[in-house]
N, C-alpha and C. Protein backbone atom coordinates (compact mmCIF):
# COMPACT_ATOMS: atom_id res chain seq x y z
N MET A 1 86.69 133.26 62.02
CA MET A 1 86.72 131.78 62.81
C MET A 1 85.34 131.00 62.51
N ASP A 2 85.59 129.91 62.39
CA ASP A 2 84.28 128.93 61.93
C ASP A 2 84.00 128.20 63.40
N LEU A 3 82.81 128.28 63.94
CA LEU A 3 82.61 127.90 65.13
C LEU A 3 81.45 126.63 64.83
N SER A 4 81.46 126.29 63.76
CA SER A 4 80.29 125.32 63.41
C SER A 4 80.52 123.96 64.00
N GLU A 5 81.55 123.53 64.23
CA GLU A 5 82.08 122.11 64.72
C GLU A 5 81.58 122.05 66.19
N PRO A 6 80.71 121.02 66.56
CA PRO A 6 80.31 120.72 67.88
C PRO A 6 81.59 120.50 68.74
N THR A 7 81.45 120.80 70.14
CA THR A 7 82.51 120.24 70.90
C THR A 7 82.02 119.41 72.06
N SER A 8 82.81 118.80 72.83
CA SER A 8 82.31 118.17 74.06
C SER A 8 83.55 117.80 74.99
N TRP A 9 83.66 118.69 76.00
CA TRP A 9 84.57 118.14 77.14
C TRP A 9 84.52 116.62 77.60
N ARG A 10 85.54 116.05 77.85
CA ARG A 10 85.30 114.75 78.24
C ARG A 10 86.23 114.47 79.46
N VAL A 11 85.58 113.95 80.43
CA VAL A 11 86.47 113.90 81.75
C VAL A 11 87.13 112.30 81.57
N LEU A 12 88.43 112.46 81.51
CA LEU A 12 89.25 111.05 81.36
C LEU A 12 89.67 110.50 82.49
N ALA A 13 89.70 111.20 83.65
CA ALA A 13 89.88 110.42 84.96
C ALA A 13 89.00 111.19 85.98
N GLY A 14 88.91 110.60 86.99
CA GLY A 14 88.16 111.06 88.32
C GLY A 14 86.58 110.91 87.88
N GLU A 15 85.71 111.56 88.67
CA GLU A 15 84.38 111.48 88.84
C GLU A 15 83.84 112.14 87.54
N PRO A 16 82.58 111.59 86.91
CA PRO A 16 82.36 112.21 85.74
C PRO A 16 81.74 113.74 85.83
N ARG A 17 81.34 114.10 87.17
CA ARG A 17 80.88 115.38 87.44
C ARG A 17 82.04 116.07 88.01
N VAL A 18 82.49 117.24 87.40
CA VAL A 18 83.69 117.97 87.91
C VAL A 18 83.34 119.36 88.37
N ASP A 19 83.56 119.83 89.53
CA ASP A 19 83.15 121.04 90.39
C ASP A 19 84.32 121.53 91.20
N VAL A 20 85.44 122.21 90.56
CA VAL A 20 86.57 122.56 91.13
C VAL A 20 86.94 124.19 90.96
N SER A 21 87.70 124.48 91.86
CA SER A 21 88.42 126.00 91.64
C SER A 21 89.79 126.01 91.90
N GLY A 22 90.45 126.97 91.39
CA GLY A 22 91.85 126.95 91.76
C GLY A 22 92.42 127.95 91.10
N ARG A 23 93.69 128.55 91.04
CA ARG A 23 94.43 129.47 90.32
C ARG A 23 94.98 128.60 88.95
N LEU A 24 94.87 129.20 87.87
CA LEU A 24 95.21 128.72 86.71
C LEU A 24 96.74 128.80 86.29
N ILE A 25 97.34 127.76 86.02
CA ILE A 25 98.76 127.95 85.72
C ILE A 25 99.07 127.01 84.36
N GLY A 26 99.79 126.95 83.46
CA GLY A 26 99.82 126.23 82.33
C GLY A 26 100.10 126.88 81.07
N GLY A 27 99.95 126.25 80.00
CA GLY A 27 100.18 126.82 78.75
C GLY A 27 100.38 125.63 77.69
N CYS A 28 101.05 126.16 76.41
CA CYS A 28 101.26 125.26 75.42
C CYS A 28 102.37 124.11 75.72
N LEU A 29 101.92 122.89 75.94
CA LEU A 29 103.00 121.77 76.23
C LEU A 29 104.15 121.95 75.48
N ASP A 30 103.97 122.14 74.05
CA ASP A 30 105.48 122.11 73.38
C ASP A 30 106.39 123.26 73.89
N VAL A 31 105.81 124.09 74.55
CA VAL A 31 106.83 125.23 75.03
C VAL A 31 107.21 125.03 76.65
N VAL A 32 106.07 124.99 77.30
CA VAL A 32 106.23 124.74 78.99
C VAL A 32 107.21 123.61 79.37
N CYS A 33 107.11 122.54 78.52
CA CYS A 33 107.85 121.43 78.97
C CYS A 33 109.21 121.72 79.04
N HIS A 34 109.78 122.81 78.47
CA HIS A 34 111.15 123.26 78.44
C HIS A 34 111.46 124.02 79.61
N LEU A 35 110.38 124.52 80.36
CA LEU A 35 110.48 125.39 81.44
C LEU A 35 110.70 124.60 82.85
N ALA A 36 110.37 123.30 82.74
CA ALA A 36 110.50 122.52 84.25
C ALA A 36 111.87 122.49 84.51
N GLY A 37 111.93 122.55 85.99
CA GLY A 37 113.14 122.70 86.55
C GLY A 37 114.04 123.99 86.46
N THR A 38 113.33 125.01 85.90
CA THR A 38 114.09 126.28 85.80
C THR A 38 113.25 127.17 86.76
N PRO A 39 113.53 128.37 86.99
CA PRO A 39 112.77 129.23 87.97
C PRO A 39 111.31 129.83 87.14
N TYR A 40 111.49 129.64 85.92
CA TYR A 40 110.09 130.17 85.06
C TYR A 40 109.21 129.11 85.18
N GLY A 41 109.56 127.91 85.54
CA GLY A 41 108.58 126.64 85.41
C GLY A 41 108.57 125.94 86.78
N ASP A 42 108.37 126.85 87.86
CA ASP A 42 108.30 126.26 89.28
C ASP A 42 106.93 126.36 89.60
N VAL A 43 106.24 125.31 89.00
CA VAL A 43 104.83 125.28 89.46
C VAL A 43 104.70 124.64 90.90
N ARG A 44 105.46 123.90 91.36
CA ARG A 44 105.45 123.22 92.79
C ARG A 44 105.47 124.63 93.78
N ARG A 45 106.32 125.72 93.41
CA ARG A 45 106.13 126.74 94.26
C ARG A 45 104.92 127.54 94.17
N PHE A 46 104.63 127.83 92.78
CA PHE A 46 103.46 128.38 92.57
C PHE A 46 102.02 128.00 93.48
N ALA A 47 102.07 126.57 93.35
CA ALA A 47 101.08 125.77 93.97
C ALA A 47 101.12 126.07 95.79
N ARG A 48 102.36 126.03 96.34
CA ARG A 48 102.47 126.12 97.48
C ARG A 48 102.18 127.71 97.62
N ASP A 49 102.46 128.74 97.06
CA ASP A 49 101.87 130.10 97.29
C ASP A 49 100.45 130.20 97.02
N HIS A 50 99.90 129.15 96.56
CA HIS A 50 98.43 129.49 96.22
C HIS A 50 97.46 128.37 96.78
N GLU A 51 98.24 127.53 97.91
CA GLU A 51 97.67 126.33 98.52
C GLU A 51 96.17 126.82 99.00
N ASP A 52 95.91 127.79 99.44
CA ASP A 52 94.63 128.41 100.00
C ASP A 52 93.52 128.39 98.75
N ASP A 53 93.79 128.87 97.48
CA ASP A 53 93.00 128.77 96.64
C ASP A 53 92.85 127.63 95.66
N GLY A 54 93.81 126.58 95.54
CA GLY A 54 93.95 125.52 94.92
C GLY A 54 94.68 125.87 93.70
N VAL A 55 94.94 125.05 92.79
CA VAL A 55 95.74 125.12 91.58
C VAL A 55 95.01 124.30 90.60
N ILE A 56 94.63 124.91 89.36
CA ILE A 56 94.16 123.96 88.19
C ILE A 56 95.17 124.13 86.85
N VAL A 57 95.79 123.11 86.67
CA VAL A 57 96.99 123.13 85.36
C VAL A 57 96.06 122.97 84.29
N HIS A 58 96.68 123.85 83.32
CA HIS A 58 95.84 123.71 82.04
C HIS A 58 97.06 123.55 80.90
N LEU A 59 96.87 122.40 80.12
CA LEU A 59 97.92 122.28 78.89
C LEU A 59 97.34 122.11 77.69
N GLU A 60 97.71 122.37 76.65
CA GLU A 60 97.38 122.09 75.53
C GLU A 60 98.63 121.68 74.23
N ASN A 61 98.31 120.80 73.43
CA ASN A 61 99.33 120.09 72.48
C ASN A 61 99.22 120.95 71.37
N CYS A 62 99.97 121.68 70.82
CA CYS A 62 100.16 122.15 69.57
C CYS A 62 100.43 121.18 68.42
N GLU A 63 101.63 120.53 68.75
CA GLU A 63 102.09 119.79 67.31
C GLU A 63 102.59 118.60 67.83
N ALA A 64 102.85 118.27 69.24
CA ALA A 64 103.73 116.90 69.43
C ALA A 64 103.00 115.77 69.28
N PRO A 65 103.39 114.65 68.68
CA PRO A 65 102.67 113.30 68.40
C PRO A 65 102.53 112.91 69.85
N SER A 66 101.62 111.92 69.91
CA SER A 66 101.15 111.36 71.26
C SER A 66 102.29 110.71 71.88
N LEU A 67 103.45 109.99 71.57
CA LEU A 67 104.58 109.59 72.24
C LEU A 67 105.44 110.69 72.70
N ASP A 68 105.61 111.76 71.98
CA ASP A 68 106.23 112.88 72.53
C ASP A 68 105.33 113.52 73.69
N ALA A 69 104.23 113.79 73.43
CA ALA A 69 103.43 114.43 74.45
C ALA A 69 103.60 113.64 75.65
N ALA A 70 103.42 112.30 75.84
CA ALA A 70 103.57 111.50 76.91
C ALA A 70 105.04 112.04 77.67
N ARG A 71 106.08 111.90 76.65
CA ARG A 71 107.37 112.08 77.39
C ARG A 71 107.31 113.57 77.98
N MET A 72 106.69 114.65 77.38
CA MET A 72 106.80 115.91 78.08
C MET A 72 105.79 115.81 79.28
N LEU A 73 104.70 115.17 79.25
CA LEU A 73 103.82 115.10 80.33
C LEU A 73 104.53 114.40 81.74
N HIS A 74 105.13 113.52 81.42
CA HIS A 74 105.87 112.61 82.35
C HIS A 74 106.93 113.63 82.80
N GLY A 75 107.87 114.23 82.03
CA GLY A 75 108.51 115.32 82.55
C GLY A 75 108.03 116.19 83.53
N LEU A 76 107.02 116.73 83.20
CA LEU A 76 106.24 117.88 83.85
C LEU A 76 105.74 117.28 85.67
N ARG A 77 105.31 116.01 85.40
CA ARG A 77 104.69 115.42 86.61
C ARG A 77 106.10 115.15 87.44
N LEU A 78 107.04 114.80 86.88
CA LEU A 78 108.23 114.51 87.65
C LEU A 78 109.03 115.66 88.23
N ALA A 79 108.63 116.86 87.66
CA ALA A 79 109.27 118.22 88.01
C ALA A 79 108.25 118.87 89.14
N GLY A 80 107.03 118.09 89.43
CA GLY A 80 106.18 118.51 90.47
C GLY A 80 105.18 119.48 89.76
N TRP A 81 104.67 119.46 88.77
CA TRP A 81 104.02 120.41 88.05
C TRP A 81 102.45 120.00 88.65
N PHE A 82 101.99 118.85 89.10
CA PHE A 82 100.92 118.65 89.32
C PHE A 82 100.46 118.53 90.87
N GLU A 83 101.42 118.53 91.51
CA GLU A 83 101.56 118.48 93.05
C GLU A 83 100.73 119.72 93.43
N GLY A 84 99.68 119.39 94.23
CA GLY A 84 98.58 120.40 94.63
C GLY A 84 97.56 120.86 93.78
N ALA A 85 97.53 120.08 92.63
CA ALA A 85 96.53 120.53 91.61
C ALA A 85 95.17 120.04 92.00
N SER A 86 94.07 120.77 91.81
CA SER A 86 92.72 120.39 92.05
C SER A 86 92.15 119.75 90.65
N ALA A 87 92.55 120.01 89.74
CA ALA A 87 92.30 119.57 88.35
C ALA A 87 93.34 119.72 87.48
N VAL A 88 93.01 118.82 86.14
CA VAL A 88 94.06 119.31 85.04
C VAL A 88 93.24 119.51 84.01
N LEU A 89 93.26 120.59 83.07
CA LEU A 89 92.66 120.67 81.97
C LEU A 89 93.50 120.61 80.73
N ILE A 90 92.80 119.64 79.64
CA ILE A 90 93.70 119.54 78.33
C ILE A 90 92.99 120.07 77.17
N GLY A 91 93.74 120.93 76.81
CA GLY A 91 93.10 121.71 75.56
C GLY A 91 92.77 120.55 74.15
N ARG A 92 91.80 121.02 73.35
CA ARG A 92 91.65 120.02 72.07
C ARG A 92 92.95 120.38 71.18
N THR A 93 93.41 119.35 70.63
CA THR A 93 94.46 118.87 69.70
C THR A 93 94.30 118.53 68.45
N GLY A 94 95.02 118.78 67.51
CA GLY A 94 94.95 118.09 66.28
C GLY A 94 96.18 117.39 65.95
N SER A 95 97.03 117.08 66.94
CA SER A 95 98.32 116.50 66.80
C SER A 95 97.97 114.86 66.61
N PRO A 96 98.89 114.30 66.08
CA PRO A 96 98.79 112.98 65.52
C PRO A 96 99.03 111.95 66.51
N GLU A 97 98.65 110.91 66.44
CA GLU A 97 99.01 109.64 67.31
C GLU A 97 100.10 109.03 66.61
N ARG A 98 100.78 108.06 67.52
CA ARG A 98 102.06 107.43 66.99
C ARG A 98 102.04 106.12 67.42
N ALA A 99 102.52 105.12 66.78
CA ALA A 99 102.53 103.74 67.15
C ALA A 99 101.41 103.15 67.66
N GLY A 100 100.03 103.64 67.26
CA GLY A 100 98.94 103.02 68.16
C GLY A 100 98.47 103.85 69.37
N VAL A 101 99.31 104.68 69.69
CA VAL A 101 99.18 105.29 71.01
C VAL A 101 98.44 106.72 70.68
N THR A 102 97.11 106.84 71.38
CA THR A 102 96.28 108.00 71.10
C THR A 102 96.93 109.31 72.04
N GLN A 103 96.23 110.59 71.73
CA GLN A 103 96.68 111.62 72.63
C GLN A 103 95.97 111.19 74.10
N ASP A 104 94.84 110.58 74.26
CA ASP A 104 94.33 110.27 75.39
C ASP A 104 95.30 109.30 75.97
N ASP A 105 95.55 108.16 75.32
CA ASP A 105 96.60 107.32 75.93
C ASP A 105 97.76 107.85 76.55
N ALA A 106 98.38 108.83 75.87
CA ALA A 106 99.56 109.73 76.44
C ALA A 106 99.20 110.43 77.81
N ILE A 107 98.09 110.97 77.74
CA ILE A 107 97.57 111.68 78.93
C ILE A 107 97.47 110.95 80.11
N LEU A 108 96.57 109.79 79.95
CA LEU A 108 96.51 108.74 80.92
C LEU A 108 97.70 108.10 81.43
N ASP A 109 98.63 107.75 80.57
CA ASP A 109 99.85 107.09 80.72
C ASP A 109 100.62 107.90 81.77
N ALA A 110 100.75 109.44 81.37
CA ALA A 110 101.48 110.21 82.26
C ALA A 110 100.70 110.83 83.47
N LEU A 111 99.44 111.03 83.47
CA LEU A 111 99.02 111.46 84.46
C LEU A 111 97.90 110.86 85.07
N GLY A 112 97.54 109.59 84.57
CA GLY A 112 96.18 108.87 85.16
C GLY A 112 96.33 108.38 86.57
N SER A 113 97.52 108.26 87.26
CA SER A 113 97.65 108.02 88.64
C SER A 113 97.41 109.33 89.50
N LEU A 114 97.36 110.48 88.97
CA LEU A 114 97.10 111.77 90.08
C LEU A 114 95.65 111.32 90.48
N ASP A 115 95.25 112.02 91.77
CA ASP A 115 93.97 111.59 92.35
C ASP A 115 93.26 113.03 91.87
N VAL A 116 93.13 113.52 90.66
CA VAL A 116 92.41 114.63 90.40
C VAL A 116 91.72 114.47 89.02
N PRO A 117 90.81 115.32 88.89
CA PRO A 117 89.93 114.95 87.61
C PRO A 117 90.79 115.55 86.45
N ILE A 118 90.76 115.07 85.21
CA ILE A 118 91.41 115.38 84.08
C ILE A 118 90.51 115.42 82.99
N VAL A 119 90.22 116.55 82.61
CA VAL A 119 89.34 117.07 81.57
C VAL A 119 89.74 117.46 80.09
N ALA A 120 89.72 116.45 79.16
CA ALA A 120 90.20 116.69 77.90
C ALA A 120 89.19 117.47 76.85
N ASP A 121 89.89 117.86 75.71
CA ASP A 121 89.02 118.54 74.69
C ASP A 121 88.49 119.96 75.18
N VAL A 122 89.02 120.53 76.27
CA VAL A 122 88.51 121.88 76.66
C VAL A 122 88.80 122.89 75.61
N ASP A 123 88.14 123.91 75.33
CA ASP A 123 88.15 124.83 74.39
C ASP A 123 89.14 126.13 74.43
N PHE A 124 90.34 125.73 74.49
CA PHE A 124 91.44 126.61 74.67
C PHE A 124 92.62 126.15 74.00
N GLY A 125 93.44 127.11 73.63
CA GLY A 125 94.56 126.64 73.12
C GLY A 125 94.61 126.81 71.35
N HIS A 126 95.43 126.14 70.66
CA HIS A 126 95.68 126.43 69.35
C HIS A 126 94.46 125.92 68.30
N VAL A 127 93.49 125.08 68.65
CA VAL A 127 92.38 124.66 67.89
C VAL A 127 91.33 125.56 68.32
N PRO A 128 90.71 126.23 67.18
CA PRO A 128 89.46 127.10 67.52
C PRO A 128 88.37 126.41 68.33
N PRO A 129 87.82 127.18 69.04
CA PRO A 129 87.73 128.62 69.04
C PRO A 129 88.83 129.33 69.76
N GLY A 130 90.00 128.54 70.29
CA GLY A 130 90.99 128.91 71.05
C GLY A 130 91.04 130.07 72.05
N ASN A 131 89.87 129.71 72.88
CA ASN A 131 89.64 130.67 74.15
C ASN A 131 90.89 130.73 74.91
N VAL A 132 91.02 131.78 75.66
CA VAL A 132 92.27 132.17 76.38
C VAL A 132 91.98 131.88 77.86
N LEU A 133 92.86 131.10 78.62
CA LEU A 133 92.93 130.94 79.92
C LEU A 133 94.27 131.90 80.63
N VAL A 134 93.94 132.64 81.52
CA VAL A 134 95.00 133.62 81.96
C VAL A 134 95.54 132.97 83.12
N ASN A 135 96.92 132.73 83.36
CA ASN A 135 97.67 132.37 84.18
C ASN A 135 97.55 133.20 85.53
N GLY A 136 97.15 132.59 86.53
CA GLY A 136 97.04 133.27 87.78
C GLY A 136 95.65 133.70 88.05
N ALA A 137 94.69 133.60 87.28
CA ALA A 137 93.53 134.05 87.54
C ALA A 137 92.87 132.98 88.04
N LEU A 138 91.90 133.26 89.11
CA LEU A 138 91.06 132.31 90.19
C LEU A 138 89.99 131.78 88.90
N ALA A 139 90.08 130.32 88.85
CA ALA A 139 89.06 129.72 87.99
C ALA A 139 87.95 128.99 88.72
N HIS A 140 86.94 128.78 88.32
CA HIS A 140 85.88 127.84 88.54
C HIS A 140 85.59 126.80 87.45
N VAL A 141 85.54 125.66 87.34
CA VAL A 141 85.39 124.70 86.38
C VAL A 141 84.23 123.91 86.80
N VAL A 142 83.17 123.58 85.97
CA VAL A 142 82.13 122.62 86.13
C VAL A 142 82.09 121.89 84.83
N VAL A 143 82.01 120.79 84.85
CA VAL A 143 81.63 119.55 83.79
C VAL A 143 80.54 118.81 84.53
N ASP A 144 79.44 118.86 83.95
CA ASP A 144 78.12 118.25 84.46
C ASP A 144 77.05 118.08 83.34
N GLY A 145 77.21 116.83 82.81
CA GLY A 145 76.31 116.57 81.53
C GLY A 145 76.76 117.46 80.45
N GLU A 146 75.65 118.13 79.93
CA GLU A 146 76.04 119.25 78.68
C GLU A 146 76.48 120.36 79.26
N ARG A 147 76.57 120.59 80.66
CA ARG A 147 77.24 122.16 81.20
C ARG A 147 78.86 121.90 81.28
N HIS A 148 79.41 122.73 80.52
CA HIS A 148 81.06 122.71 80.30
C HIS A 148 81.19 124.29 80.66
N GLU A 149 81.92 124.64 81.70
CA GLU A 149 82.04 126.01 81.91
C GLU A 149 83.33 126.34 82.89
N ILE A 150 84.09 127.13 82.42
CA ILE A 150 85.03 128.01 83.17
C ILE A 150 84.80 129.29 83.29
N ARG A 151 84.85 129.80 84.50
CA ARG A 151 84.65 131.36 84.95
C ARG A 151 86.11 131.69 85.65
N GLN A 152 86.45 132.64 85.04
CA GLN A 152 87.97 133.20 85.61
C GLN A 152 87.50 134.67 86.15
N THR A 153 88.19 134.91 87.28
CA THR A 153 88.04 135.87 88.14
C THR A 153 89.36 136.63 88.33
N PHE A 154 89.76 137.81 88.21
CA PHE A 154 91.13 138.45 88.08
C PHE A 154 91.10 139.13 89.34
N VAL A 155 91.53 138.32 90.46
CA VAL A 155 91.67 139.12 91.75
C VAL A 155 92.91 138.67 92.46
């Protein structure tokens, strides 16, 4: 694995400093978008079950062009995936833009009205280094200047 490329998380929505905690839930957008509305994708219930801890939704886009990603994110939003969320983390992607719509445009079109921080280019998913976020783990996320940190606790 080549870790020579510099990375930088970006806060797309919300205050520039992020300090949130919650249970992680999410995965690859290309896959989980098909779970919305099924018992396996009932994130609204997961959020209710963990309302004392809070919920952090994490998604990454493996291959979907920006317009497809926007549709997938709108579908998840309409299915309640972001209700009760403390933040949304978006992993880095190499997926293309379409019709002049960037991946950031797609994210903000679908999720920009949420009243939570949205952090993009986080180091998880299909793009190296491909760090792993564990669904159900209690996470603490900090984005503050050069400090970009996720701590997962398995309790």
